[in-house]
Each structure stands twice: as structure tokens, then as C-alpha cells.
Amino acid sequence: MSYSASVEVLELNRTGDFHHTVLSPKGTLLDERGRWEWESEPPEEGTDILSIEGYSTMVPGMEGYGLWPATIEKYRGKVRLSVNRDLGLYYYKIP
């Protein structure tokens, strides 16, 4: 995901761990690790959600840290996690 001259990478490992980095032209702004799990009881039927614990966001206006309930979407044949639909910010699955 790219915004404000920064690039974010979120790696979800099969073990339930994640690695999250934010890089800018000046260097690494964030490098963190945490846990994720599949939500077995999502708030809406037909919605797939991952709970990502210990996640920080540096998107301007959305800064914060904690638990992120990430919605999984399929769009034009691609799988993505929605960060902010209004800003068009998504993590896309890389094959």
C-alpha cells in the first residue's frame, strides 16, 4: 500500500504472526510484529475478518495502535484487506 511517499508492507504468516513495515524515502518509519487470527464469528454474515493484534497505522488522520479488525474483500479477481475505503487504501495479496 502506498500513500504520502511511503510504502507499507503487511506480511501475514501461516503461523499467525505478522510483520508490518512502513518505509519512506528517509528510511524505515515503522517495523513491528504481532499476531493475527481468523474471526470465526464475524459481525455480519458473509463477511470475512482477520483480527490483527498489535497493529499500528501511520496513515495521516488515522494514526493509532491496537487491534485492527481487517475486512477481507475480493475485487476484480484480487484479494485485499480494506484499510480505508474512502481514501482507497488497501493491502493486496501478492501471489
PDB file of N, CA and C in Angstrom:
ATOM      1  N   MET A   1       0.856  -1.164   0.000  1.00  0.00           N
ATOM      2  CA  MET A   1       0.000   0.000   0.000  1.00  0.00           C
ATOM      3  C   MET A   1       0.903   1.228   0.000  1.00  0.00           C
ATOM      4  N   SER A   2       0.588   2.212  -0.812  1.00  0.00           N
ATOM      5  CA  SER A   2       1.385   3.435  -0.905  1.00  0.00           C
ATOM      6  C   SER A   2       0.535   4.664  -0.604  1.00  0.00           C
ATOM      7  N   TYR A   3       1.129   5.630   0.108  1.00  0.00           N
ATOM      8  CA  TYR A   3       0.489   6.914   0.387  1.00  0.00           C
ATOM      9  C   TYR A   3       1.553   7.879   0.880  1.00  0.00           C
ATOM     10  N   SER A   4       1.378   9.141   0.662  1.00  0.00           N
ATOM     11  CA  SER A   4       2.271  10.201   1.162  1.00  0.00           C
ATOM     12  C   SER A   4       3.752   9.859   1.007  1.00  0.00           C
ATOM     13  N   ALA A   5       4.150   9.330  -0.138  1.00  0.00           N
ATOM     14  CA  ALA A   5       5.539   8.955  -0.435  1.00  0.00           C
ATOM     15  C   ALA A   5       6.048   7.823   0.456  1.00  0.00           C
ATOM     16  N   SER A   6       5.147   7.143   1.151  1.00  0.00           N
ATOM     17  CA  SER A   6       5.515   5.999   1.991  1.00  0.00           C
ATOM     18  C   SER A   6       4.952   4.716   1.390  1.00  0.00           C
ATOM     19  N   VAL A   7       5.589   3.621   1.715  1.00  0.00           N
ATOM     20  CA  VAL A   7       5.121   2.305   1.279  1.00  0.00           C
ATOM     21  C   VAL A   7       4.969   1.435   2.512  1.00  0.00           C
ATOM     22  N   GLU A   8       3.805   0.797   2.649  1.00  0.00           N
ATOM     23  CA  GLU A   8       3.548  -0.117   3.766  1.00  0.00           C
ATOM     24  C   GLU A   8       3.495  -1.535   3.249  1.00  0.00           C
ATOM     25  N   VAL A   9       4.075  -2.440   4.009  1.00  0.00           N
ATOM     26  CA  VAL A   9       4.016  -3.863   3.687  1.00  0.00           C
ATOM     27  C   VAL A   9       3.533  -4.597   4.928  1.00  0.00           C
ATOM     28  N   LEU A  10       2.509  -5.437   4.749  1.00  0.00           N
ATOM     29  CA  LEU A  10       1.981  -6.253   5.833  1.00  0.00           C
ATOM     30  C   LEU A  10       2.092  -7.710   5.402  1.00  0.00           C
ATOM     31  N   GLU A  11       2.955  -8.456   6.080  1.00  0.00           N
ATOM     32  CA  GLU A  11       3.136  -9.880   5.789  1.00  0.00           C
ATOM     33  C   GLU A  11       2.387 -10.691   6.838  1.00  0.00           C
ATOM     34  N   LEU A  12       1.458 -11.532   6.378  1.00  0.00           N
ATOM     35  CA  LEU A  12       0.719 -12.428   7.262  1.00  0.00           C
ATOM     36  C   LEU A  12       1.286 -13.829   7.076  1.00  0.00           C
ATOM     37  N   ASN A  13       1.842 -14.394   8.127  1.00  0.00           N
ATOM     38  CA  ASN A  13       2.431 -15.719   8.059  1.00  0.00           C
ATOM     39  C   ASN A  13       1.421 -16.774   8.493  1.00  0.00           C
ATOM     40  N   ARG A  14       1.545 -17.966   7.950  1.00  0.00           N
ATOM     41  CA  ARG A  14       0.640 -19.069   8.278  1.00  0.00           C
ATOM     42  C   ARG A  14       0.651 -19.412   9.759  1.00  0.00           C
ATOM     43  N   THR A  15       1.693 -19.052  10.456  1.00  0.00           N
ATOM     44  CA  THR A  15       1.827 -19.354  11.885  1.00  0.00           C
ATOM     45  C   THR A  15       0.957 -18.462  12.765  1.00  0.00           C
ATOM     46  N   GLY A  16       0.333 -17.433  12.171  1.00  0.00           N
ATOM     47  CA  GLY A  16      -0.470 -16.486  12.937  1.00  0.00           C
ATOM     48  C   GLY A  16       0.312 -15.254  13.353  1.00  0.00           C
ATOM     49  N   ASP A  17       1.536 -15.123  12.857  1.00  0.00           N
ATOM     50  CA  ASP A  17       2.349 -13.936  13.121  1.00  0.00           C
ATOM     51  C   ASP A  17       2.246 -12.976  11.939  1.00  0.00           C
ATOM     52  N   PHE A  18       2.487 -11.690  12.214  1.00  0.00           N
ATOM     53  CA  PHE A  18       2.589 -10.738  11.107  1.00  0.00           C
ATOM     54  C   PHE A  18       3.840  -9.888  11.275  1.00  0.00           C
ATOM     55  N   HIS A  19       4.284  -9.329  10.158  1.00  0.00           N
ATOM     56  CA  HIS A  19       5.400  -8.378  10.134  1.00  0.00           C
ATOM     57  C   HIS A  19       4.918  -7.184   9.320  1.00  0.00           C
ATOM     58  N   HIS A  20       4.983  -6.007   9.902  1.00  0.00           N
ATOM     59  CA  HIS A  20       4.452  -4.781   9.305  1.00  0.00           C
ATOM     60  C   HIS A  20       5.562  -3.743   9.241  1.00  0.00           C
ATOM     61  N   THR A  21       5.814  -3.217   8.039  1.00  0.00           N
ATOM     62  CA  THR A  21       6.822  -2.173   7.883  1.00  0.00           C
ATOM     63  C   THR A  21       6.248  -0.986   7.123  1.00  0.00           C
ATOM     64  N   VAL A  22       6.741   0.191   7.447  1.00  0.00           N
ATOM     65  CA  VAL A  22       6.417   1.419   6.722  1.00  0.00           C
ATOM     66  C   VAL A  22       7.753   2.049   6.342  1.00  0.00           C
ATOM     67  N   LEU A  23       7.941   2.236   5.047  1.00  0.00           N
ATOM     68  CA  LEU A  23       9.187   2.798   4.527  1.00  0.00           C
ATOM     69  C   LEU A  23       8.913   4.126   3.839  1.00  0.00           C
ATOM     70  N   SER A  24       9.807   5.076   4.039  1.00  0.00           N
ATOM     71  CA  SER A  24       9.728   6.372   3.362  1.00  0.00           C
ATOM     72  C   SER A  24      11.057   6.609   2.662  1.00  0.00           C
ATOM     73  N   PRO A  25      11.149   7.644   1.841  1.00  0.00           N
ATOM     74  CA  PRO A  25      12.442   7.957   1.232  1.00  0.00           C
ATOM     75  C   PRO A  25      13.540   8.217   2.272  1.00  0.00           C
ATOM     76  N   LYS A  26      13.148   8.578   3.488  1.00  0.00           N
ATOM     77  CA  LYS A  26      14.125   8.847   4.555  1.00  0.00           C
ATOM     78  C   LYS A  26      14.543   7.590   5.312  1.00  0.00           C
ATOM     79  N   GLY A  27      13.861   6.471   5.095  1.00  0.00           N
ATOM     80  CA  GLY A  27      14.201   5.226   5.784  1.00  0.00           C
ATOM     81  C   GLY A  27      12.987   4.537   6.371  1.00  0.00           C
ATOM     82  N   THR A  28      13.225   3.629   7.295  1.00  0.00           N
ATOM     83  CA  THR A  28      12.163   2.859   7.935  1.00  0.00           C
ATOM     84  C   THR A  28      11.485   3.696   9.011  1.00  0.00           C
ATOM     85  N   LEU A  29      10.172   3.880   8.877  1.00  0.00           N
ATOM     86  CA  LEU A  29       9.398   4.634   9.856  1.00  0.00           C
ATOM     87  C   LEU A  29       8.785   3.723  10.914  1.00  0.00           C
ATOM     88  N   LEU A  30       8.520   2.461  10.528  1.00  0.00           N
ATOM     89  CA  LEU A  30       7.885   1.519  11.445  1.00  0.00           C
ATOM     90  C   LEU A  30       8.319   0.109  11.078  1.00  0.00           C
ATOM     91  N   ASP A  31       8.607  -0.686  12.077  1.00  0.00           N
ATOM     92  CA  ASP A  31       8.946  -2.097  11.881  1.00  0.00           C
ATOM     93  C   ASP A  31       8.424  -2.833  13.109  1.00  0.00           C
ATOM     94  N   GLU A  32       7.295  -3.534  12.951  1.00  0.00           N
ATOM     95  CA  GLU A  32       6.664  -4.182  14.095  1.00  0.00           C
ATOM     96  C   GLU A  32       6.186  -5.582  13.742  1.00  0.00           C
ATOM     97  N   ARG A  33       5.976  -6.357  14.786  1.00  0.00           N
ATOM     98  CA  ARG A  33       5.478  -7.723  14.640  1.00  0.00           C
ATOM     99  C   ARG A  33       4.355  -7.930  15.641  1.00  0.00           C
ATOM    100  N   GLY A  34       3.468  -8.846  15.310  1.00  0.00           N
ATOM    101  CA  GLY A  34       2.359  -9.153  16.206  1.00  0.00           C
ATOM    102  C   GLY A  34       1.680 -10.433  15.769  1.00  0.00           C
ATOM    103  N   ARG A  35       0.432 -10.600  16.205  1.00  0.00           N
ATOM    104  CA  ARG A  35      -0.336 -11.812  15.929  1.00  0.00           C
ATOM    105  C   ARG A  35      -1.622 -11.471  15.183  1.00  0.00           C
ATOM    106  N   TRP A  36      -2.086 -12.425  14.383  1.00  0.00           N
ATOM    107  CA  TRP A  36      -3.370 -12.281  13.715  1.00  0.00           C
ATOM    108  C   TRP A  36      -4.126 -13.596  13.833  1.00  0.00           C
ATOM    109  N   GLU A  37      -5.452 -13.504  13.739  1.00  0.00           N
ATOM    110  CA  GLU A  37      -6.269 -14.714  13.723  1.00  0.00           C
ATOM    111  C   GLU A  37      -7.541 -14.457  12.919  1.00  0.00           C
ATOM    112  N   TRP A  38      -8.070 -15.549  12.395  1.00  0.00           N
ATOM    113  CA  TRP A  38      -9.307 -15.509  11.619  1.00  0.00           C
ATOM    114  C   TRP A  38     -10.472 -15.374  12.585  1.00  0.00           C
ATOM    115  N   GLU A  39     -11.375 -14.442  12.337  1.00  0.00           N
ATOM    116  CA  GLU A  39     -12.561 -14.280  13.182  1.00  0.00           C
ATOM    117  C   GLU A  39     -13.583 -15.352  12.816  1.00  0.00           C
ATOM    118  N   SER A  40     -13.882 -16.236  13.747  1.00  0.00           N
ATOM    119  CA  SER A  40     -14.822 -17.316  13.470  1.00  0.00           C
ATOM    120  C   SER A  40     -16.274 -16.850  13.534  1.00  0.00           C
ATOM    121  N   GLU A  41     -16.505 -15.715  14.191  1.00  0.00           N
ATOM    122  CA  GLU A  41     -17.857 -15.165  14.281  1.00  0.00           C
ATOM    123  C   GLU A  41     -17.842 -13.690  13.878  1.00  0.00           C
ATOM    124  N   PRO A  42     -17.802 -13.415  12.552  1.00  0.00           N
ATOM    125  CA  PRO A  42     -17.767 -12.012  12.110  1.00  0.00           C
ATOM    126  C   PRO A  42     -19.078 -11.297  12.434  1.00  0.00           C
ATOM    127  N   PRO A  43     -19.044  -9.960  12.508  1.00  0.00           N
ATOM    128  CA  PRO A  43     -20.240  -9.192  12.864  1.00  0.00           C
ATOM    129  C   PRO A  43     -21.366  -9.311  11.842  1.00  0.00           C
ATOM    130  N   GLU A  44     -21.033  -9.573  10.570  1.00  0.00           N
ATOM    131  CA  GLU A  44     -22.044  -9.723   9.524  1.00  0.00           C
ATOM    132  C   GLU A  44     -21.827 -11.042   8.804  1.00  0.00           C
ATOM    133  N   GLU A  45     -22.918 -11.745   8.525  1.00  0.00           N
ATOM    134  CA  GLU A  45     -22.807 -12.998   7.791  1.00  0.00           C
ATOM    135  C   GLU A  45     -22.255 -12.723   6.393  1.00  0.00           C
ATOM    136  N   GLY A  46     -21.353 -13.561   5.951  1.00  0.00           N
ATOM    137  CA  GLY A  46     -20.766 -13.383   4.619  1.00  0.00           C
ATOM    138  C   GLY A  46     -19.567 -12.454   4.597  1.00  0.00           C
ATOM    139  N   THR A  47     -19.177 -11.953   5.771  1.00  0.00           N
ATOM    140  CA  THR A  47     -18.016 -11.076   5.869  1.00  0.00           C
ATOM    141  C   THR A  47     -16.857 -11.865   6.469  1.00  0.00           C
ATOM    142  N   ASP A  48     -15.698 -11.776   5.845  1.00  0.00           N
ATOM    143  CA  ASP A  48     -14.508 -12.424   6.383  1.00  0.00           C
ATOM    144  C   ASP A  48     -13.625 -11.365   7.032  1.00  0.00           C
ATOM    145  N   ILE A  49     -13.232 -11.622   8.275  1.00  0.00           N
ATOM    146  CA  ILE A  49     -12.450 -10.635   9.030  1.00  0.00           C
ATOM    147  C   ILE A  49     -11.260 -11.311   9.707  1.00  0.00           C
ATOM    148  N   LEU A  50     -10.129 -10.626   9.674  1.00  0.00           N
ATOM    149  CA  LEU A  50      -8.947 -11.019  10.430  1.00  0.00           C
ATOM    150  C   LEU A  50      -8.801 -10.035  11.585  1.00  0.00           C
ATOM    151  N   SER A  51      -8.494 -10.529  12.768  1.00  0.00           N
ATOM    152  CA  SER A  51      -8.153  -9.659  13.892  1.00  0.00           C
ATOM    153  C   SER A  51      -6.642  -9.592  13.956  1.00  0.00           C
ATOM    154  N   ILE A  52      -6.105  -8.383  13.833  1.00  0.00           N
ATOM    155  CA  ILE A  52      -4.664  -8.188  13.830  1.00  0.00           C
ATOM    156  C   ILE A  52      -4.297  -7.425  15.099  1.00  0.00           C
ATOM    157  N   GLU A  53      -3.623  -8.117  16.025  1.00  0.00           N
ATOM    158  CA  GLU A  53      -3.267  -7.564  17.337  1.00  0.00           C
ATOM    159  C   GLU A  53      -1.896  -6.916  17.317  1.00  0.00           C
ATOM    160  N   GLY A  54      -1.808  -5.712  17.872  1.00  0.00           N
ATOM    161  CA  GLY A  54      -0.526  -5.019  17.938  1.00  0.00           C
ATOM    162  C   GLY A  54      -0.174  -4.328  16.637  1.00  0.00           C
ATOM    163  N   TYR A  55      -1.190  -3.846  15.925  1.00  0.00           N
ATOM    164  CA  TYR A  55      -1.011  -3.197  14.627  1.00  0.00           C
ATOM    165  C   TYR A  55      -1.016  -1.680  14.807  1.00  0.00           C
ATOM    166  N   SER A  56      -0.087  -1.010  14.150  1.00  0.00           N
ATOM    167  CA  SER A  56      -0.039   0.458  14.156  1.00  0.00           C
ATOM    168  C   SER A  56      -0.370   0.967  12.773  1.00  0.00           C
ATOM    169  N   THR A  57      -1.079   2.085  12.717  1.00  0.00           N
ATOM    170  CA  THR A  57      -1.302   2.729  11.431  1.00  0.00           C
ATOM    171  C   THR A  57      -0.693   4.120  11.471  1.00  0.00           C
ATOM    172  N   MET A  58      -0.069   4.479  10.362  1.00  0.00           N
ATOM    173  CA  MET A  58       0.547   5.793  10.240  1.00  0.00           C
ATOM    174  C   MET A  58      -0.124   6.606   9.141  1.00  0.00           C
ATOM    175  N   VAL A  59      -1.257   6.113   8.626  1.00  0.00           N
ATOM    176  CA  VAL A  59      -1.986   6.850   7.598  1.00  0.00           C
ATOM    177  C   VAL A  59      -2.408   8.185   8.201  1.00  0.00           C
ATOM    178  N   PRO A  60      -2.077   9.304   7.541  1.00  0.00           N
ATOM    179  CA  PRO A  60      -2.441  10.616   8.083  1.00  0.00           C
ATOM    180  C   PRO A  60      -3.929  10.695   8.425  1.00  0.00           C
ATOM    181  N   GLY A  61      -4.221  11.109   9.657  1.00  0.00           N
ATOM    182  CA  GLY A  61      -5.589  11.224  10.122  1.00  0.00           C
ATOM    183  C   GLY A  61      -6.135   9.944  10.742  1.00  0.00           C
ATOM    184  N   MET A  62      -5.391   8.842  10.643  1.00  0.00           N
ATOM    185  CA  MET A  62      -5.840   7.563  11.194  1.00  0.00           C
ATOM    186  C   MET A  62      -4.818   6.975  12.152  1.00  0.00           C
ATOM    187  N   GLU A  63      -3.852   7.748  12.602  1.00  0.00           N
ATOM    188  CA  GLU A  63      -2.765   7.233  13.424  1.00  0.00           C
ATOM    189  C   GLU A  63      -3.301   6.517  14.658  1.00  0.00           C
ATOM    190  N   GLY A  64      -2.677   5.402  14.999  1.00  0.00           N
ATOM    191  CA  GLY A  64      -3.108   4.677  16.186  1.00  0.00           C
ATOM    192  C   GLY A  64      -2.431   3.332  16.305  1.00  0.00           C
ATOM    193  N   TYR A  65      -2.736   2.634  17.406  1.00  0.00           N
ATOM    194  CA  TYR A  65      -2.144   1.338  17.704  1.00  0.00           C
ATOM    195  C   TYR A  65      -3.177   0.491  18.431  1.00  0.00           C
ATOM    196  N   GLY A  66      -3.192  -0.807  18.138  1.00  0.00           N
ATOM    197  CA  GLY A  66      -4.086  -1.696  18.866  1.00  0.00           C
ATOM    198  C   GLY A  66      -4.557  -2.863  18.032  1.00  0.00           C
ATOM    199  N   LEU A  67      -5.829  -3.199  18.183  1.00  0.00           N
ATOM    200  CA  LEU A  67      -6.442  -4.308  17.474  1.00  0.00           C
ATOM    201  C   LEU A  67      -7.148  -3.778  16.228  1.00  0.00           C
ATOM    202  N   TRP A  68      -6.850  -4.371  15.082  1.00  0.00           N
ATOM    203  CA  TRP A  68      -7.477  -3.949  13.831  1.00  0.00           C
ATOM    204  C   TRP A  68      -8.311  -5.098  13.291  1.00  0.00           C
ATOM    205  N   PRO A  69      -9.644  -4.932  13.221  1.00  0.00           N
ATOM    206  CA  PRO A  69     -10.483  -5.939  12.575  1.00  0.00           C
ATOM    207  C   PRO A  69     -10.474  -5.690  11.069  1.00  0.00           C
ATOM    208  N   ALA A  70      -9.633  -6.393  10.349  1.00  0.00           N
ATOM    209  CA  ALA A  70      -9.426  -6.152   8.918  1.00  0.00           C
ATOM    210  C   ALA A  70     -10.419  -6.947   8.078  1.00  0.00           C
ATOM    211  N   THR A  71     -11.184  -6.253   7.250  1.00  0.00           N
ATOM    212  CA  THR A  71     -12.153  -6.893   6.368  1.00  0.00           C
ATOM    213  C   THR A  71     -11.453  -7.398   5.117  1.00  0.00           C
ATOM    214  N   ILE A  72     -11.699  -8.667   4.797  1.00  0.00           N
ATOM    215  CA  ILE A  72     -11.126  -9.276   3.595  1.00  0.00           C
ATOM    216  C   ILE A  72     -12.129  -9.104   2.460  1.00  0.00           C
ATOM    217  N   GLU A  73     -11.661  -8.605   1.329  1.00  0.00           N
ATOM    218  CA  GLU A  73     -12.527  -8.388   0.169  1.00  0.00           C
ATOM    219  C   GLU A  73     -11.926  -9.043  -1.062  1.00  0.00           C
ATOM    220  N   LYS A  74     -12.802  -9.376  -1.991  1.00  0.00           N
ATOM    221  CA  LYS A  74     -12.363  -9.822  -3.316  1.00  0.00           C
ATOM    222  C   LYS A  74     -12.813  -8.738  -4.288  1.00  0.00           C
ATOM    223  N   TYR A  75     -11.877  -8.242  -5.095  1.00  0.00           N
ATOM    224  CA  TYR A  75     -12.168  -7.141  -6.009  1.00  0.00           C
ATOM    225  C   TYR A  75     -11.423  -7.375  -7.316  1.00  0.00           C
ATOM    226  N   ARG A  76     -12.171  -7.494  -8.388  1.00  0.00           N
ATOM    227  CA  ARG A  76     -11.589  -7.708  -9.719  1.00  0.00           C
ATOM    228  C   ARG A  76     -10.582  -8.852  -9.737  1.00  0.00           C
ATOM    229  N   GLY A  77     -10.959  -9.938  -9.091  1.00  0.00           N
ATOM    230  CA  GLY A  77     -10.118 -11.127  -9.090  1.00  0.00           C
ATOM    231  C   GLY A  77      -8.947 -11.086  -8.115  1.00  0.00           C
ATOM    232  N   LYS A  78      -8.866 -10.034  -7.299  1.00  0.00           N
ATOM    233  CA  LYS A  78      -7.772  -9.917  -6.330  1.00  0.00           C
ATOM    234  C   LYS A  78      -8.320  -9.953  -4.908  1.00  0.00           C
ATOM    235  N   VAL A  79      -7.510 -10.438  -3.978  1.00  0.00           N
ATOM    236  CA  VAL A  79      -7.865 -10.450  -2.561  1.00  0.00           C
ATOM    237  C   VAL A  79      -7.161  -9.267  -1.904  1.00  0.00           C
ATOM    238  N   ARG A  80      -7.919  -8.523  -1.073  1.00  0.00           N
ATOM    239  CA  ARG A  80      -7.334  -7.354  -0.422  1.00  0.00           C
ATOM    240  C   ARG A  80      -7.914  -7.177   0.976  1.00  0.00           C
ATOM    241  N   LEU A  81      -7.159  -6.479   1.825  1.00  0.00           N
ATOM    242  CA  LEU A  81      -7.620  -6.061   3.146  1.00  0.00           C
ATOM    243  C   LEU A  81      -7.933  -4.576   3.061  1.00  0.00           C
ATOM    244  N   SER A  82      -9.096  -4.204   3.533  1.00  0.00           N
ATOM    245  CA  SER A  82      -9.515  -2.806   3.487  1.00  0.00           C
ATOM    246  C   SER A  82      -8.950  -2.031   4.676  1.00  0.00           C
ATOM    247  N   VAL A  83      -8.186  -0.981   4.376  1.00  0.00           N
ATOM    248  CA  VAL A  83      -7.659  -0.091   5.415  1.00  0.00           C
ATOM    249  C   VAL A  83      -8.587   1.110   5.550  1.00  0.00           C
ATOM    250  N   ASN A  84      -8.893   1.765   4.424  1.00  0.00           N
ATOM    251  CA  ASN A  84      -9.801   2.912   4.407  1.00  0.00           C
ATOM    252  C   ASN A  84     -10.391   3.026   3.008  1.00  0.00           C
ATOM    253  N   ARG A  85     -11.646   2.628   2.875  1.00  0.00           N
ATOM    254  CA  ARG A  85     -12.309   2.662   1.560  1.00  0.00           C
ATOM    255  C   ARG A  85     -12.400   4.085   1.010  1.00  0.00           C
ATOM    256  N   ASP A  86     -12.702   5.048   1.886  1.00  0.00           N
ATOM    257  CA  ASP A  86     -12.860   6.438   1.430  1.00  0.00           C
ATOM    258  C   ASP A  86     -11.580   6.977   0.799  1.00  0.00           C
ATOM    259  N   LEU A  87     -10.423   6.577   1.337  1.00  0.00           N
ATOM    260  CA  LEU A  87      -9.141   7.034   0.799  1.00  0.00           C
ATOM    261  C   LEU A  87      -8.589   6.078  -0.258  1.00  0.00           C
ATOM    262  N   GLY A  88      -9.281   4.944  -0.481  1.00  0.00           N
ATOM    263  CA  GLY A  88      -8.821   3.965  -1.461  1.00  0.00           C
ATOM    264  C   GLY A  88      -7.553   3.252  -1.034  1.00  0.00           C
ATOM    265  N   LEU A  89      -7.426   2.994   0.283  1.00  0.00           N
ATOM    266  CA  LEU A  89      -6.227   2.349   0.816  1.00  0.00           C
ATOM    267  C   LEU A  89      -6.509   0.884   1.137  1.00  0.00           C
ATOM    268  N   TYR A  90      -5.752  -0.007   0.489  1.00  0.00           N
ATOM    269  CA  TYR A  90      -5.919  -1.443   0.659  1.00  0.00           C
ATOM    270  C   TYR A  90      -4.562  -2.123   0.623  1.00  0.00           C
ATOM    271  N   TYR A  91      -4.446  -3.235   1.347  1.00  0.00           N
ATOM    272  CA  TYR A  91      -3.331  -4.154   1.178  1.00  0.00           C
ATOM    273  C   TYR A  91      -3.801  -5.211   0.193  1.00  0.00           C
ATOM    274  N   TYR A  92      -3.029  -5.484  -0.836  1.00  0.00           N
ATOM    275  CA  TYR A  92      -3.376  -6.514  -1.819  1.00  0.00           C
ATOM    276  C   TYR A  92      -2.534  -7.743  -1.597  1.00  0.00           C
ATOM    277  N   LYS A  93      -3.153  -8.917  -1.777  1.00  0.00           N
ATOM    278  CA  LYS A  93      -2.414 -10.170  -1.678  1.00  0.00           C
ATOM    279  C   LYS A  93      -1.493 -10.296  -2.881  1.00  0.00           C
ATOM    280  N   ILE A  94      -0.239 -10.623  -2.603  1.00  0.00           N
ATOM    281  CA  ILE A  94       0.739 -10.822  -3.677  1.00  0.00           C
ATOM    282  C   ILE A  94       0.903 -12.333  -3.829  1.00  0.00           C
ATOM    283  N   PRO A  95       0.696 -12.823  -5.054  1.00  0.00           N
ATOM    284  CA  PRO A  95       0.780 -14.280  -5.262  1.00  0.00           C
ATOM    285  C   PRO A  95       2.147 -14.838  -4.965  1.00  0.00           C
TER     286      PRO A  95
END
